[in-house]
Amino acid sequence: MRLACVAACFGARQQRFACMVALRSAPWRRVALRYNHRSSSPDCAVPPPFPIRVECPPGACVCDRARLLADPQADLRALRLTRADELRLIERIERVRSYAELLRVQALINDQLGVLLRIAPGVNEVRTVRGIIVALDEQPGLCKKIRQSIPAAIRRTLDAHPQIIYEILDANDLFGSN
């Protein structure tokens, strides 16, 4: 019994060593090493094959990043949005000039990040940009900052280009159905 336990510990140690050697040559080494250091499982955790967003300070965000990284079957596309990518996305949103472009950006966010962005008129009458509902659906791995910054960028775009608001209202008829 004791020999099997020692062999199992040695096997786990060899596996961890093999993972550490493989991770040292990877471009995402720091994130992967930090992830493996905090991992509670004895076996080697495989890091995602792309750079991921830096972890928020403890207690500042409720993105469930650790739970998402621990699940091997989880959709990690939301973690793909790094701070630099977020700034580029916000720039892209602020360059939108028409409703068709806004729909295209909405589709790209859904395809590349797996996040549903909803843009629709509110239930009451729309007098200003605040009457338009702009929301990112809750998803694990999506930082609270991102859930606030993307709708704010869309509202700035709608404020700068009121014709987009009229097109949103035309796309959703007076009674709120599509």
C-alpha atoms as a PDB file:
ATOM      1  CA  MET A   1       0.000   0.000   0.000  1.00  0.00           C
ATOM      2  CA  ARG A   2       2.751   2.409   0.950  1.00  0.00           C
ATOM      3  CA  LEU A   3       4.671   1.657  -2.251  1.00  0.00           C
ATOM      4  CA  ALA A   4       1.593   2.491  -4.355  1.00  0.00           C
ATOM      5  CA  CYS A   5       1.163   5.793  -2.505  1.00  0.00           C
ATOM      6  CA  VAL A   6       4.824   6.717  -3.069  1.00  0.00           C
ATOM      7  CA  ALA A   7       4.534   5.755  -6.742  1.00  0.00           C
ATOM      8  CA  ALA A   8       1.386   7.856  -7.120  1.00  0.00           C
ATOM      9  CA  CYS A   9       3.062  10.864  -5.501  1.00  0.00           C
ATOM     10  CA  PHE A  10       6.148  10.392  -7.674  1.00  0.00           C
ATOM     11  CA  GLY A  11       3.950  10.129 -10.782  1.00  0.00           C
ATOM     12  CA  ALA A  12       2.104  13.341  -9.908  1.00  0.00           C
ATOM     13  CA  ARG A  13       5.439  15.060  -9.265  1.00  0.00           C
ATOM     14  CA  GLN A  14       6.786  13.883 -12.641  1.00  0.00           C
ATOM     15  CA  GLN A  15       3.622  15.062 -14.371  1.00  0.00           C
ATOM     16  CA  ARG A  16       3.842  18.487 -12.700  1.00  0.00           C
ATOM     17  CA  PHE A  17       7.534  18.724 -13.672  1.00  0.00           C
ATOM     18  CA  ALA A  18       6.715  17.845 -17.305  1.00  0.00           C
ATOM     19  CA  CYS A  19       4.046  20.543 -17.343  1.00  0.00           C
ATOM     20  CA  MET A  20       6.399  23.107 -15.821  1.00  0.00           C
ATOM     21  CA  VAL A  21       9.033  22.335 -18.469  1.00  0.00           C
ATOM     22  CA  ALA A  22       6.444  22.680 -21.233  1.00  0.00           C
ATOM     23  CA  LEU A  23       5.148  25.935 -19.744  1.00  0.00           C
ATOM     24  CA  ARG A  24       8.564  27.578 -19.537  1.00  0.00           C
ATOM     25  CA  SER A  25       8.741  27.674 -23.333  1.00  0.00           C
ATOM     26  CA  ALA A  26       5.192  28.972 -23.730  1.00  0.00           C
ATOM     27  CA  PRO A  27       4.573  32.688 -24.431  1.00  0.00           C
ATOM     28  CA  TRP A  28       1.883  32.823 -21.734  1.00  0.00           C
ATOM     29  CA  ARG A  29       4.306  31.445 -19.147  1.00  0.00           C
ATOM     30  CA  ARG A  30       3.608  33.930 -16.350  1.00  0.00           C
ATOM     31  CA  VAL A  31      -0.153  33.470 -16.472  1.00  0.00           C
ATOM     32  CA  ALA A  32       0.169  29.694 -16.759  1.00  0.00           C
ATOM     33  CA  LEU A  33       2.679  29.419 -13.918  1.00  0.00           C
ATOM     34  CA  ARG A  34       0.524  31.620 -11.688  1.00  0.00           C
ATOM     35  CA  TYR A  35      -2.508  29.521 -12.592  1.00  0.00           C
ATOM     36  CA  ASN A  36      -0.704  26.252 -11.825  1.00  0.00           C
ATOM     37  CA  HIS A  37       0.673  27.672  -8.589  1.00  0.00           C
ATOM     38  CA  ARG A  38      -2.835  28.446  -7.309  1.00  0.00           C
ATOM     39  CA  SER A  39      -4.399  25.263  -8.611  1.00  0.00           C
ATOM     40  CA  SER A  40      -5.717  22.953  -5.919  1.00  0.00           C
ATOM     41  CA  SER A  41      -5.733  19.826  -8.065  1.00  0.00           C
ATOM     42  CA  PRO A  42      -2.672  17.578  -7.901  1.00  0.00           C
ATOM     43  CA  ASP A  43      -2.511  17.069 -11.645  1.00  0.00           C
ATOM     44  CA  CYS A  44      -1.244  19.589 -14.166  1.00  0.00           C
ATOM     45  CA  ALA A  45      -3.754  22.173 -15.361  1.00  0.00           C
ATOM     46  CA  VAL A  46      -3.503  22.972 -19.045  1.00  0.00           C
ATOM     47  CA  PRO A  47      -3.487  26.722 -19.685  1.00  0.00           C
ATOM     48  CA  PRO A  48      -5.528  28.163 -22.534  1.00  0.00           C
ATOM     49  CA  PRO A  49      -3.659  28.478 -25.845  1.00  0.00           C
ATOM     50  CA  PHE A  50      -4.138  32.269 -25.879  1.00  0.00           C
ATOM     51  CA  PRO A  51      -3.338  35.142 -23.518  1.00  0.00           C
ATOM     52  CA  ILE A  52      -6.079  35.797 -20.970  1.00  0.00           C
ATOM     53  CA  ARG A  53      -7.164  38.825 -18.984  1.00  0.00           C
ATOM     54  CA  VAL A  54      -5.181  39.628 -15.838  1.00  0.00           C
ATOM     55  CA  GLU A  55      -6.968  38.651 -12.668  1.00  0.00           C
ATOM     56  CA  CYS A  56      -8.875  41.390 -10.829  1.00  0.00           C
ATOM     57  CA  PRO A  57      -7.974  42.142  -7.207  1.00  0.00           C
ATOM     58  CA  PRO A  58      -9.779  39.872  -4.727  1.00  0.00           C
ATOM     59  CA  GLY A  59     -13.221  41.184  -3.830  1.00  0.00           C
ATOM     60  CA  ALA A  60     -13.263  43.773  -6.619  1.00  0.00           C
ATOM     61  CA  CYS A  61     -14.944  41.595  -9.239  1.00  0.00           C
ATOM     62  CA  VAL A  62     -17.439  38.736  -9.392  1.00  0.00           C
ATOM     63  CA  CYS A  63     -16.367  37.223 -12.698  1.00  0.00           C
ATOM     64  CA  ASP A  64     -15.867  33.618 -11.404  1.00  0.00           C
ATOM     65  CA  ARG A  65     -12.569  33.427 -13.233  1.00  0.00           C
ATOM     66  CA  ALA A  66     -11.107  30.738 -10.949  1.00  0.00           C
ATOM     67  CA  ARG A  67     -14.149  28.486 -11.390  1.00  0.00           C
ATOM     68  CA  LEU A  68     -13.984  28.991 -15.146  1.00  0.00           C
ATOM     69  CA  LEU A  69     -10.288  28.120 -15.323  1.00  0.00           C
ATOM     70  CA  ALA A  70     -10.787  25.053 -13.129  1.00  0.00           C
ATOM     71  CA  ASP A  71     -13.453  23.588 -15.423  1.00  0.00           C
ATOM     72  CA  PRO A  72     -11.817  21.862 -18.432  1.00  0.00           C
ATOM     73  CA  GLN A  73     -15.095  21.944 -20.419  1.00  0.00           C
ATOM     74  CA  ALA A  74     -15.748  25.681 -19.861  1.00  0.00           C
ATOM     75  CA  ASP A  75     -15.990  28.254 -22.630  1.00  0.00           C
ATOM     76  CA  LEU A  76     -12.921  30.476 -22.104  1.00  0.00           C
ATOM     77  CA  ARG A  77     -13.688  32.950 -24.891  1.00  0.00           C
ATOM     78  CA  ALA A  78     -14.754  35.660 -22.421  1.00  0.00           C
ATOM     79  CA  LEU A  79     -11.298  35.535 -20.806  1.00  0.00           C
ATOM     80  CA  ARG A  80      -9.718  36.198 -24.185  1.00  0.00           C
ATOM     81  CA  LEU A  81     -10.622  39.892 -23.919  1.00  0.00           C
ATOM     82  CA  THR A  82      -7.474  41.401 -22.400  1.00  0.00           C
ATOM     83  CA  ARG A  83      -7.247  45.045 -21.329  1.00  0.00           C
ATOM     84  CA  ALA A  84      -5.565  46.031 -24.615  1.00  0.00           C
ATOM     85  CA  ASP A  85      -8.245  44.180 -26.604  1.00  0.00           C
ATOM     86  CA  GLU A  86     -10.948  45.859 -24.526  1.00  0.00           C
ATOM     87  CA  LEU A  87      -9.544  49.291 -25.418  1.00  0.00           C
ATOM     88  CA  ARG A  88      -9.446  48.349 -29.117  1.00  0.00           C
ATOM     89  CA  LEU A  89     -13.036  47.098 -28.908  1.00  0.00           C
ATOM     90  CA  ILE A  90     -14.168  50.343 -27.288  1.00  0.00           C
ATOM     91  CA  GLU A  91     -12.396  52.326 -30.030  1.00  0.00           C
ATOM     92  CA  ARG A  92     -14.143  50.160 -32.631  1.00  0.00           C
ATOM     93  CA  ILE A  93     -17.529  50.742 -31.002  1.00  0.00           C
ATOM     94  CA  GLU A  94     -16.948  54.492 -30.899  1.00  0.00           C
ATOM     95  CA  ARG A  95     -16.147  54.491 -34.656  1.00  0.00           C
ATOM     96  CA  VAL A  96     -19.567  53.027 -35.496  1.00  0.00           C
ATOM     97  CA  ARG A  97     -21.516  55.350 -37.808  1.00  0.00           C
ATOM     98  CA  SER A  98     -24.626  53.311 -38.691  1.00  0.00           C
ATOM     99  CA  TYR A  99     -27.018  50.750 -37.288  1.00  0.00           C
ATOM    100  CA  ALA A 100     -25.662  48.112 -39.703  1.00  0.00           C
ATOM    101  CA  GLU A 101     -22.146  48.613 -38.297  1.00  0.00           C
ATOM    102  CA  LEU A 102     -23.519  48.381 -34.759  1.00  0.00           C
ATOM    103  CA  LEU A 103     -25.225  45.079 -35.612  1.00  0.00           C
ATOM    104  CA  ARG A 104     -21.943  43.842 -37.109  1.00  0.00           C
ATOM    105  CA  VAL A 105     -20.028  44.710 -33.913  1.00  0.00           C
ATOM    106  CA  GLN A 106     -22.769  43.033 -31.874  1.00  0.00           C
ATOM    107  CA  ALA A 107     -22.425  39.848 -33.974  1.00  0.00           C
ATOM    108  CA  LEU A 108     -18.614  39.904 -33.663  1.00  0.00           C
ATOM    109  CA  ILE A 109     -18.828  40.202 -29.871  1.00  0.00           C
ATOM    110  CA  ASN A 110     -21.194  37.243 -29.817  1.00  0.00           C
ATOM    111  CA  ASP A 111     -19.045  35.121 -32.164  1.00  0.00           C
ATOM    112  CA  GLN A 112     -15.603  35.879 -30.768  1.00  0.00           C
ATOM    113  CA  LEU A 113     -16.349  36.256 -27.062  1.00  0.00           C
ATOM    114  CA  GLY A 114     -19.514  34.208 -26.682  1.00  0.00           C
ATOM    115  CA  VAL A 115     -21.228  37.128 -24.962  1.00  0.00           C
ATOM    116  CA  LEU A 116     -24.703  38.317 -25.895  1.00  0.00           C
ATOM    117  CA  LEU A 117     -24.987  42.092 -26.262  1.00  0.00           C
ATOM    118  CA  ARG A 118     -28.569  43.341 -26.136  1.00  0.00           C
ATOM    119  CA  ILE A 119     -29.512  46.735 -27.617  1.00  0.00           C
ATOM    120  CA  ALA A 120     -33.216  47.561 -27.607  1.00  0.00           C
ATOM    121  CA  PRO A 121     -35.616  50.359 -26.708  1.00  0.00           C
ATOM    122  CA  GLY A 122     -36.768  50.406 -23.096  1.00  0.00           C
ATOM    123  CA  VAL A 123     -40.286  49.511 -21.994  1.00  0.00           C
ATOM    124  CA  ASN A 124     -41.176  53.172 -21.460  1.00  0.00           C
ATOM    125  CA  GLU A 125     -40.919  55.799 -24.170  1.00  0.00           C
ATOM    126  CA  VAL A 126     -37.473  56.702 -25.459  1.00  0.00           C
ATOM    127  CA  ARG A 127     -36.652  60.377 -25.075  1.00  0.00           C
ATOM    128  CA  THR A 128     -32.878  60.166 -24.695  1.00  0.00           C
ATOM    129  CA  VAL A 129     -30.079  57.650 -25.090  1.00  0.00           C
ATOM    130  CA  ARG A 130     -30.830  56.460 -21.540  1.00  0.00           C
ATOM    131  CA  GLY A 131     -34.122  55.052 -22.835  1.00  0.00           C
ATOM    132  CA  ILE A 132     -32.224  52.499 -24.927  1.00  0.00           C
ATOM    133  CA  ILE A 133     -31.342  49.298 -23.041  1.00  0.00           C
ATOM    134  CA  VAL A 134     -27.723  48.325 -23.641  1.00  0.00           C
ATOM    135  CA  ALA A 135     -26.607  45.302 -21.623  1.00  0.00           C
ATOM    136  CA  LEU A 136     -24.103  42.473 -21.751  1.00  0.00           C
ATOM    137  CA  ASP A 137     -25.543  39.230 -20.442  1.00  0.00           C
ATOM    138  CA  GLU A 138     -23.965  37.779 -17.320  1.00  0.00           C
ATOM    139  CA  GLN A 139     -21.336  35.184 -18.132  1.00  0.00           C
ATOM    140  CA  PRO A 140     -18.533  33.646 -16.077  1.00  0.00           C
ATOM    141  CA  GLY A 141     -15.188  35.234 -16.897  1.00  0.00           C
ATOM    142  CA  LEU A 142     -16.674  38.551 -17.971  1.00  0.00           C
ATOM    143  CA  CYS A 143     -15.218  41.231 -15.736  1.00  0.00           C
ATOM    144  CA  LYS A 144     -17.442  43.831 -14.078  1.00  0.00           C
ATOM    145  CA  LYS A 145     -15.394  46.596 -15.730  1.00  0.00           C
ATOM    146  CA  ILE A 146     -16.132  45.183 -19.174  1.00  0.00           C
ATOM    147  CA  ARG A 147     -19.848  44.888 -18.389  1.00  0.00           C
ATOM    148  CA  GLN A 148     -19.800  48.621 -17.638  1.00  0.00           C
ATOM    149  CA  SER A 149     -17.378  49.957 -20.258  1.00  0.00           C
ATOM    150  CA  ILE A 150     -18.884  48.374 -23.386  1.00  0.00           C
ATOM    151  CA  PRO A 151     -22.456  49.654 -22.782  1.00  0.00           C
ATOM    152  CA  ALA A 152     -21.008  53.076 -21.889  1.00  0.00           C
ATOM    153  CA  ALA A 153     -19.117  53.164 -25.201  1.00  0.00           C
ATOM    154  CA  ILE A 154     -22.276  52.208 -27.095  1.00  0.00           C
ATOM    155  CA  ARG A 155     -24.233  54.950 -25.315  1.00  0.00           C
ATOM    156  CA  ARG A 156     -21.539  57.492 -26.257  1.00  0.00           C
ATOM    157  CA  THR A 157     -21.814  56.340 -29.874  1.00  0.00           C
ATOM    158  CA  LEU A 158     -25.593  56.612 -29.816  1.00  0.00           C
ATOM    159  CA  ASP A 159     -25.307  60.067 -28.271  1.00  0.00           C
ATOM    160  CA  ALA A 160     -22.936  61.185 -31.033  1.00  0.00           C
ATOM    161  CA  HIS A 161     -25.051  59.647 -33.840  1.00  0.00           C
ATOM    162  CA  PRO A 162     -28.775  60.010 -33.105  1.00  0.00           C
ATOM    163  CA  GLN A 163     -29.713  58.483 -36.478  1.00  0.00           C
ATOM    164  CA  ILE A 164     -28.658  55.106 -35.025  1.00  0.00           C
ATOM    165  CA  ILE A 165     -31.257  55.548 -32.272  1.00  0.00           C
ATOM    166  CA  TYR A 166     -33.933  56.182 -34.896  1.00  0.00           C
ATOM    167  CA  GLU A 167     -32.881  53.036 -36.762  1.00  0.00           C
ATOM    168  CA  ILE A 168     -33.048  51.011 -33.519  1.00  0.00           C
ATOM    169  CA  LEU A 169     -36.553  52.361 -32.931  1.00  0.00           C
ATOM    170  CA  ASP A 170     -37.533  51.558 -36.528  1.00  0.00           C
ATOM    171  CA  ALA A 171     -36.173  48.009 -36.200  1.00  0.00           C
ATOM    172  CA  ASN A 172     -38.337  47.513 -33.096  1.00  0.00           C
ATOM    173  CA  ASP A 173     -41.828  48.760 -33.917  1.00  0.00           C
ATOM    174  CA  LEU A 174     -43.873  50.998 -31.645  1.00  0.00           C
ATOM    175  CA  PHE A 175     -45.264  48.102 -29.644  1.00  0.00           C
ATOM    176  CA  GLY A 176     -41.839  46.640 -28.754  1.00  0.00           C
ATOM    177  CA  SER A 177     -41.985  43.451 -30.811  1.00  0.00           C
ATOM    178  CA  ASN A 178     -39.569  42.526 -33.585  1.00  0.00           C
END
